[in-house]
Amino acid sequence: MVNEDKPILLFDGVCNFCDGTVNFIIDRDPHKNIRFAALQSESGQQLLKKFSLDTENFDSLVVVHKGRYFKKTSAVWRVVRWMKFPWNLLSIFIVIPPFIGNFFYDIVARNRYKWFGKLEYCRMPTPDIQERFLT
């Protein structure tokens, strides 16, 4: 079973936008708090099954931390909390009701392949960040 003591961000491994977002987070997470796994990976699938989440149709990133999971904007606001200043200040938006934030999140999620493209394969992390990626 995957250790959930540190937060794990599950992302769509073939989505260009998601890949760019992971790179953005890595550059702004100086304490290496967040680990990553593609939703399509063995670890990602294992965590999705644990929480009875869809293992085939990916419409959200998912954050797993200490036995709980968060999706869509709830996941986003938790991720920014672990990023360096000034990005961590965005976590104040957690007070926005999820139905409002998720409305906009869903628009981007539905159009992410059309707007940003799709990769042929899941990302392969470089050696310097390899330990932060679960397989």
Protein backbone atom coordinates (compact mmCIF):
# COMPACT_ATOMS: atom_id res chain seq x y z
CA MET A 1 0.00 0.00 0.00
CA VAL A 2 1.14 3.55 -0.74
CA ASN A 3 2.32 5.69 2.20
CA GLU A 4 -0.04 8.67 2.53
CA ASP A 5 1.84 10.61 5.23
CA LYS A 6 2.98 13.14 2.63
CA PRO A 7 0.38 14.45 0.19
CA ILE A 8 0.14 12.68 -3.15
CA LEU A 9 -1.15 14.52 -6.20
CA LEU A 10 -2.78 12.20 -8.73
CA PHE A 11 -2.84 13.79 -12.17
CA ASP A 12 -3.80 12.83 -15.71
CA GLY A 13 -0.46 11.61 -17.07
CA VAL A 14 -1.31 12.26 -20.72
CA CYS A 15 -2.71 15.78 -20.29
CA ASN A 16 -0.35 18.61 -21.37
CA PHE A 17 -2.03 21.05 -18.98
CA CYS A 18 -1.71 18.61 -16.09
CA ASP A 19 1.93 17.94 -16.96
CA GLY A 20 2.63 21.68 -16.98
CA THR A 21 0.83 22.05 -13.66
CA VAL A 22 2.98 19.32 -12.09
CA ASN A 23 6.13 21.10 -13.31
CA PHE A 24 4.81 24.39 -11.90
CA ILE A 25 4.17 22.78 -8.50
CA ILE A 26 7.56 21.06 -8.39
CA ASP A 27 9.30 24.40 -8.96
CA ARG A 28 7.32 25.99 -6.11
CA ASP A 29 7.47 23.22 -3.53
CA PRO A 30 10.92 23.80 -2.02
CA HIS A 31 10.40 21.40 0.89
CA LYS A 32 9.38 18.58 -1.47
CA ASN A 33 6.15 18.06 0.44
CA ILE A 34 4.12 16.83 -2.51
CA ARG A 35 4.62 13.52 -4.27
CA PHE A 36 3.07 12.71 -7.63
CA ALA A 37 1.48 9.78 -9.42
CA ALA A 38 -0.26 9.61 -12.76
CA LEU A 39 -3.86 8.50 -12.45
CA GLN A 40 -2.97 5.81 -15.01
CA SER A 41 -0.04 4.44 -12.96
CA GLU A 42 -0.20 1.39 -10.71
CA SER A 43 0.00 3.58 -7.58
CA GLY A 44 -2.59 5.98 -8.95
CA GLN A 45 -4.99 3.17 -9.79
CA GLN A 46 -4.44 1.60 -6.36
CA LEU A 47 -5.34 4.87 -4.61
CA LEU A 48 -8.38 5.48 -6.84
CA LYS A 49 -9.68 2.00 -6.01
CA LYS A 50 -9.04 2.50 -2.30
CA PHE A 51 -11.40 5.49 -2.31
CA SER A 52 -13.86 3.96 -4.82
CA LEU A 53 -13.08 6.62 -7.42
CA ASP A 54 -13.36 6.12 -11.19
CA THR A 55 -10.28 4.33 -12.53
CA GLU A 56 -10.88 5.06 -16.23
CA ASN A 57 -12.56 8.43 -16.83
CA PHE A 58 -10.38 11.15 -15.35
CA ASP A 59 -12.10 14.50 -14.83
CA SER A 60 -10.15 15.72 -11.82
CA LEU A 61 -6.84 15.78 -10.12
CA VAL A 62 -6.95 14.10 -6.75
CA VAL A 63 -4.95 14.80 -3.62
CA VAL A 64 -4.56 11.94 -1.14
CA HIS A 65 -3.25 12.76 2.32
CA LYS A 66 -3.48 10.94 5.63
CA GLY A 67 -6.33 8.64 4.68
CA ARG A 68 -8.48 11.28 2.96
CA TYR A 69 -8.89 12.39 -0.62
CA PHE A 70 -9.78 15.72 -2.20
CA LYS A 71 -10.89 16.42 -5.76
CA LYS A 72 -11.17 19.41 -8.06
CA THR A 73 -10.88 22.81 -6.35
CA SER A 74 -10.66 21.24 -2.90
CA ALA A 75 -7.49 19.50 -4.11
CA VAL A 76 -6.13 22.67 -5.74
CA TRP A 77 -6.44 24.76 -2.57
CA ARG A 78 -4.70 22.07 -0.54
CA VAL A 79 -1.83 21.85 -3.02
CA VAL A 80 -1.16 25.60 -3.00
CA ARG A 81 -0.96 25.49 0.79
CA TRP A 82 2.29 23.48 0.48
CA MET A 83 3.83 25.77 -2.13
CA LYS A 84 6.22 28.63 -1.40
CA PHE A 85 5.21 32.26 -0.97
CA PRO A 86 3.32 33.95 -2.60
CA TRP A 87 1.53 30.94 -4.11
CA ASN A 88 0.57 29.55 -0.71
CA LEU A 89 -1.59 32.64 -0.16
CA LEU A 90 -4.03 31.27 -2.74
CA SER A 91 -5.13 28.74 -0.13
CA ILE A 92 -7.44 31.43 1.29
CA PHE A 93 -9.75 30.63 -1.62
CA ILE A 94 -10.67 27.38 0.11
CA VAL A 95 -13.57 29.42 1.55
CA ILE A 96 -15.18 29.61 -1.91
CA PRO A 97 -18.03 27.09 -1.95
CA PRO A 98 -16.96 24.07 -4.00
CA PHE A 99 -20.00 24.28 -6.30
CA ILE A 100 -18.78 27.70 -7.51
CA GLY A 101 -15.11 26.80 -7.93
CA ASN A 102 -15.90 23.40 -9.41
CA PHE A 103 -18.12 25.00 -12.06
CA PHE A 104 -15.04 26.70 -13.54
CA TYR A 105 -12.79 23.71 -12.82
CA ASP A 106 -15.13 21.47 -14.81
CA ILE A 107 -15.04 23.80 -17.83
CA VAL A 108 -11.24 23.57 -17.95
CA ALA A 109 -11.27 19.81 -17.26
CA ARG A 110 -13.74 19.13 -20.09
CA ASN A 111 -11.70 21.15 -22.58
CA ARG A 112 -8.14 20.42 -21.41
CA TYR A 113 -7.22 18.13 -24.33
CA LYS A 114 -8.75 20.47 -26.90
CA TRP A 115 -7.11 23.59 -25.45
CA PHE A 116 -3.74 22.19 -24.33
CA GLY A 117 -3.29 18.91 -26.19
CA LYS A 118 -2.65 15.36 -25.16
CA LEU A 119 0.61 13.46 -24.72
CA GLU A 120 1.22 10.04 -26.24
CA TYR A 121 2.65 8.71 -22.97
CA CYS A 122 2.74 9.55 -19.26
CA ARG A 123 5.62 11.80 -18.21
CA MET A 124 8.97 10.30 -17.29
CA PRO A 125 10.46 12.26 -14.39
CA THR A 126 14.03 13.44 -14.61
CA PRO A 127 16.52 11.82 -12.22
CA ASP A 128 16.57 14.87 -9.89
CA ILE A 129 12.84 14.54 -9.13
CA GLN A 130 12.43 10.78 -9.59
CA GLU A 131 11.97 10.10 -5.84
CA ARG A 132 8.87 12.31 -5.78
CA PHE A 133 7.02 10.18 -8.35
CA LEU A 134 5.19 6.99 -7.49
CA THR A 135 4.88 4.34 -10.16
